[in-house]
Amino acid sequence: MRAFIIALFCALTLPAAAQSYPDRAIKLIAPFPAGSGTDTVARILADGMSKDLGQPIVIDNKPGAQGIIGVNAATSAAPDGYTLVILGVTTGASNVTLFKKLPYDPIKDLTPIGMIADSPIVLVAGPRFAPNSAGELYALGRKNPGKLTYAYGSGSAQVAAAKLVSMGDIKAVAVPYRGSPQALTDVMSGEVDFMFVDLSLALPQIKAGKLKALGVTTKERFSVAPDIQSINESGAPGYELSVWFALAGPAGMPDAITARISQALEKALQSPALGEKFHGLGLEAKYSDPRQFGVFLGQEISKWGDWIRQAGIPPQ
């Protein structure tokens, strides 16, 4: 009865609230650690959108369990537009198949607001790792079966690595991490051999010579980082995937508030200053409206589910 009364109260008060939205700070949940690609995107976006909305957007990092903790917190929040979440391939698509008991349904428990950007992910290793391409990695793996190690700090990185290993018919040991920044530290030091990571997170380290890029996951070279070969051309023909970032809120948000936030998102993504920041991180701004993103999300869940099953990754 108490839950019914709360729901009824929200239903009666939200239409009036939508007219004055926003009248206070907005919380934007980043479901991965500070310094991750998701966190970086969230901070850049918050700065751009807050100017149009006229209220501050405060980043709330809630990492853990491949983003599940953060997204679950968002789904449990009031659908009033004051709690939003950065969604990505891991939290919005691959987790659906990777986890037997995912506590949220990306379609039913979230309100789609719009796409933010997409990017390939990049296969990287420490500077002392001998291979310089996917083909050379395969050759080393065949000479040393079961000796290679790969790190992952997200579901998308896990799937990308498992797919590469499966296509090359080699064996490698998976080493899970709480987030990509921690995994990247061990790859740079040589403690773990290789990993896949968001280009936005890896590019500064590649430019500094602390990481070696073995290939990007686009079919051809990516315009933002044309010096990095594609995995497809460097020894793994047919290898291709990309990751994306999007904005969502709890299920049941009023259409007027959803439209207002989506409008601010679109305006922010049109900013040359934001585009330049994204470009420097290997990201391409790519807006889509709530309906378009909702359709896209369903397609991504199906596609990544197929890849996970093909790679033989058992659900947790």
Foldseek 3Di string as FASTA:
>chain_A
DVVVVVVVVCVVPLVVCLVVPPPEEAEEEQAADPLAPSNVLVVLLQVQLCVVRVYHYHYDYNFFDQSLRRVVVQLPDDLNRRYKYKDKLQRLAQLVQQAPCRPDHNQAWWQFQKFWWKFWWFKKAALPQPDQALQVVLVVQVVPAAPAEEEDQHRVFVLLVLLSCVLSVGHYHYDYDRHDVVRVVCRLVVVHGITIGHLLSCVVCVVVNSMRTRATQACAAAPLCNVGGHNCPGRRNPGHDMMTIGMIGTPPHDPSSSNSSSVSSVVSLPDPVSQVSQSSSRIHTDIDGRVVVSVVSVVSNVVSSVSCVVSVNHHD
